[in-house]
Structures are given as structure tokens and as C-alpha cells.
C-alpha atoms as a PDB file:
ATOM      1  CA  UNK A   1      13.608 -12.424   4.613  1.00  0.00           C
ATOM      2  CA  UNK A   2      10.884 -10.558   2.630  1.00  0.00           C
ATOM      3  CA  UNK A   3      10.482  -7.026   2.341  1.00  0.00           C
ATOM      4  CA  UNK A   4       6.787  -5.743   2.664  1.00  0.00           C
ATOM      5  CA  UNK A   5       5.698  -1.931   2.534  1.00  0.00           C
ATOM      6  CA  UNK A   6       2.484  -0.954   4.138  1.00  0.00           C
ATOM      7  CA  UNK A   7       1.095   2.096   2.535  1.00  0.00           C
ATOM      8  CA  UNK A   8      -1.631   3.347   5.194  1.00  0.00           C
ATOM      9  CA  UNK A   9      -3.167   6.585   6.217  1.00  0.00           C
ATOM     10  CA  UNK A  10      -3.674   7.282   9.955  1.00  0.00           C
ATOM     11  CA  UNK A  11      -2.521   3.804  10.778  1.00  0.00           C
ATOM     12  CA  UNK A  12      -5.302   2.031   9.173  1.00  0.00           C
ATOM     13  CA  UNK A  13      -3.001  -1.316   8.804  1.00  0.00           C
ATOM     14  CA  UNK A  14      -1.584  -1.520  12.072  1.00  0.00           C
ATOM     15  CA  UNK A  15      -3.720  -4.306  12.696  1.00  0.00           C
ATOM     16  CA  UNK A  16      -2.363  -6.226   9.635  1.00  0.00           C
ATOM     17  CA  UNK A  17       1.285  -4.890  10.622  1.00  0.00           C
ATOM     18  CA  UNK A  18       0.942  -6.732  13.935  1.00  0.00           C
ATOM     19  CA  UNK A  19      -0.250  -9.698  12.876  1.00  0.00           C
ATOM     20  CA  UNK A  20       2.862 -10.036  10.355  1.00  0.00           C
ATOM     21  CA  UNK A  21       5.025  -9.268  12.882  1.00  0.00           C
ATOM     22  CA  UNK A  22       3.604 -11.579  15.479  1.00  0.00           C
ATOM     23  CA  UNK A  23       2.843 -14.640  13.258  1.00  0.00           C
ATOM     24  CA  UNK A  24       5.349 -14.251  10.488  1.00  0.00           C
ATOM     25  CA  UNK A  25       8.013 -16.040  12.250  1.00  0.00           C
ATOM     26  CA  UNK A  26      10.624 -13.036  11.760  1.00  0.00           C
ATOM     27  CA  UNK A  27      10.445 -14.220   7.941  1.00  0.00           C
ATOM     28  CA  UNK A  28       9.511 -10.521   6.841  1.00  0.00           C
ATOM     29  CA  UNK A  29      11.026  -7.207   7.065  1.00  0.00           C
ATOM     30  CA  UNK A  30       8.005  -4.589   7.507  1.00  0.00           C
ATOM     31  CA  UNK A  31       8.346  -1.138   6.760  1.00  0.00           C
ATOM     32  CA  UNK A  32       5.510   1.430   6.650  1.00  0.00           C
ATOM     33  CA  UNK A  33       4.674   4.580   4.417  1.00  0.00           C
ATOM     34  CA  UNK A  34       2.605   6.574   6.153  1.00  0.00           C
ATOM     35  CA  UNK A  35       0.076   9.390   4.736  1.00  0.00           C
ATOM     36  CA  UNK A  36      -1.573  11.177   7.784  1.00  0.00           C
ATOM     37  CA  UNK A  37      -2.532  14.622   6.858  1.00  0.00           C
ATOM     38  CA  UNK A  38      -6.001  15.881   5.831  1.00  0.00           C
ATOM     39  CA  UNK A  39      -6.629  15.111   1.995  1.00  0.00           C
ATOM     40  CA  UNK A  40      -8.582  16.814  -0.695  1.00  0.00           C
ATOM     41  CA  UNK A  41     -11.616  14.771  -2.049  1.00  0.00           C
ATOM     42  CA  UNK A  42      -9.865  14.581  -5.422  1.00  0.00           C
ATOM     43  CA  UNK A  43      -6.091  14.422  -5.834  1.00  0.00           C
ATOM     44  CA  UNK A  44      -5.439  14.823  -9.688  1.00  0.00           C
ATOM     45  CA  UNK A  45      -2.073  14.645  -9.072  1.00  0.00           C
ATOM     46  CA  UNK A  46      -0.730  12.330  -6.364  1.00  0.00           C
ATOM     47  CA  UNK A  47       3.012  12.816  -6.594  1.00  0.00           C
ATOM     48  CA  UNK A  48       3.220  14.731  -3.763  1.00  0.00           C
ATOM     49  CA  UNK A  49       2.123  11.987  -1.342  1.00  0.00           C
ATOM     50  CA  UNK A  50       3.517   8.764  -3.050  1.00  0.00           C
ATOM     51  CA  UNK A  51       7.011   7.847  -3.469  1.00  0.00           C
ATOM     52  CA  UNK A  52       8.977   7.779  -6.818  1.00  0.00           C
ATOM     53  CA  UNK A  53      10.722   4.082  -5.917  1.00  0.00           C
ATOM     54  CA  UNK A  54       9.794   1.633  -3.745  1.00  0.00           C
ATOM     55  CA  UNK A  55      12.123  -0.945  -2.960  1.00  0.00           C
ATOM     56  CA  UNK A  56       9.957  -4.030  -1.312  1.00  0.00           C
ATOM     57  CA  UNK A  57       8.933  -7.564  -2.534  1.00  0.00           C
ATOM     58  CA  UNK A  58       5.281  -6.703  -2.011  1.00  0.00           C
ATOM     59  CA  UNK A  59       3.188  -3.816  -1.162  1.00  0.00           C
ATOM     60  CA  UNK A  60       0.198  -3.886   0.968  1.00  0.00           C
ATOM     61  CA  UNK A  61      -2.397  -0.781   0.164  1.00  0.00           C
ATOM     62  CA  UNK A  62      -4.369   0.353   3.370  1.00  0.00           C
ATOM     63  CA  UNK A  63      -4.851   3.552   1.727  1.00  0.00           C
ATOM     64  CA  UNK A  64      -8.443   5.196   2.314  1.00  0.00           C
ATOM     65  CA  UNK A  65      -8.145   7.727  -0.543  1.00  0.00           C
ATOM     66  CA  UNK A  66      -9.108   6.051  -3.823  1.00  0.00           C
ATOM     67  CA  UNK A  67      -7.007   8.143  -5.904  1.00  0.00           C
ATOM     68  CA  UNK A  68      -3.861   7.044  -3.872  1.00  0.00           C
ATOM     69  CA  UNK A  69      -4.518   3.607  -4.288  1.00  0.00           C
ATOM     70  CA  UNK A  70      -5.044   3.848  -8.166  1.00  0.00           C
ATOM     71  CA  UNK A  71      -2.186   5.652  -8.748  1.00  0.00           C
ATOM     72  CA  UNK A  72      -0.331   3.167  -6.285  1.00  0.00           C
ATOM     73  CA  UNK A  73      -1.379   0.392  -8.081  1.00  0.00           C
ATOM     74  CA  UNK A  74       0.131   1.840 -11.165  1.00  0.00           C
ATOM     75  CA  UNK A  75       3.377   2.799  -9.644  1.00  0.00           C
ATOM     76  CA  UNK A  76       3.985  -0.580  -8.515  1.00  0.00           C
ATOM     77  CA  UNK A  77       3.041  -2.312 -11.728  1.00  0.00           C
ATOM     78  CA  UNK A  78       5.923  -0.202 -13.640  1.00  0.00           C
ATOM     79  CA  UNK A  79       8.196  -1.373 -10.829  1.00  0.00           C
ATOM     80  CA  UNK A  80       7.103  -4.817 -11.131  1.00  0.00           C
ATOM     81  CA  UNK A  81       6.001  -5.005  -7.337  1.00  0.00           C
ATOM     82  CA  UNK A  82       2.827  -6.661  -6.694  1.00  0.00           C
ATOM     83  CA  UNK A  83       0.272  -4.782  -4.984  1.00  0.00           C
ATOM     84  CA  UNK A  84      -2.535  -6.346  -2.602  1.00  0.00           C
ATOM     85  CA  UNK A  85      -5.484  -4.216  -1.719  1.00  0.00           C
ATOM     86  CA  UNK A  86      -8.029  -6.244   0.039  1.00  0.00           C
ATOM     87  CA  UNK A  87     -11.677  -4.972   0.062  1.00  0.00           C
ATOM     88  CA  UNK A  88     -11.127  -2.503  -2.900  1.00  0.00           C
ATOM     89  CA  UNK A  89     -12.049  -2.045  -6.653  1.00  0.00           C
ATOM     90  CA  UNK A  90      -8.978  -1.147  -8.222  1.00  0.00           C
ATOM     91  CA  UNK A  91      -9.055  -0.939 -11.963  1.00  0.00           C
ATOM     92  CA  UNK A  92      -5.970   0.523 -12.677  1.00  0.00           C
ATOM     93  CA  UNK A  93      -2.508  -1.306 -12.584  1.00  0.00           C
ATOM     94  CA  UNK A  94      -2.462  -4.602 -11.542  1.00  0.00           C
ATOM     95  CA  UNK A  95      -3.476  -4.522  -7.867  1.00  0.00           C
ATOM     96  CA  UNK A  96      -4.807  -7.954  -6.270  1.00  0.00           C
ATOM     97  CA  UNK A  97      -7.967  -7.026  -4.526  1.00  0.00           C
ATOM     98  CA  UNK A  98      -9.272 -10.120  -2.656  1.00  0.00           C
ATOM     99  CA  UNK A  99     -12.796  -9.639  -0.661  1.00  0.00           C
ATOM    100  CA  UNK A 100     -12.515  -8.943   2.953  1.00  0.00           C
END
């Protein structure tokens, strides 16, 4: 079973999670990492918001804050975990950013 972790703010990945659970034929274990508190416009240090370690086969990025997405991409690159960030323009790390 493939382990997916969805990083989201204010349930921003809910429809995708529902789709994976509905159509994934129980082939995926989906966990979420939720960031729901109000955030400053610029986050110089994202370490209070992101985990140090991630146990997943793939990460889906539905974060709204660009600083979090950038640093999540860098973290996942270090850990060797692919990141899908649909519709984003992430230039750090190695996130795959297909158009939506």
C-alpha cells in the first residue's frame, strides 16, 4: 500500500483526498499534515510549521503559503520523497508542478 501525505491549509486538499479514497481502490494510505493557524505574509523560518521527518512514498502539496511550499520541496528532496504541487511555481527542491 502506497503511503501518501497531503500537506494542506484549511482543508485545501479535501477534494483530492476524497477522490483518492473513493477511486483509489484501497491501494493508498492517505494521511494529512494540517496547518490551519493564521500565518504571516513572509515566513523566514518555516521549521515551526513543517516536520523534521516525513514517512511517505509521495507528498501532495496543497499549502497556500509559498514559503511553506518552497521549504517543503527542499525538505522532501533531502529525504528522497517526490512532491506533487499542482498549479504552483516552485523553483526550489524538486517538486513536480503540473498545470491544473
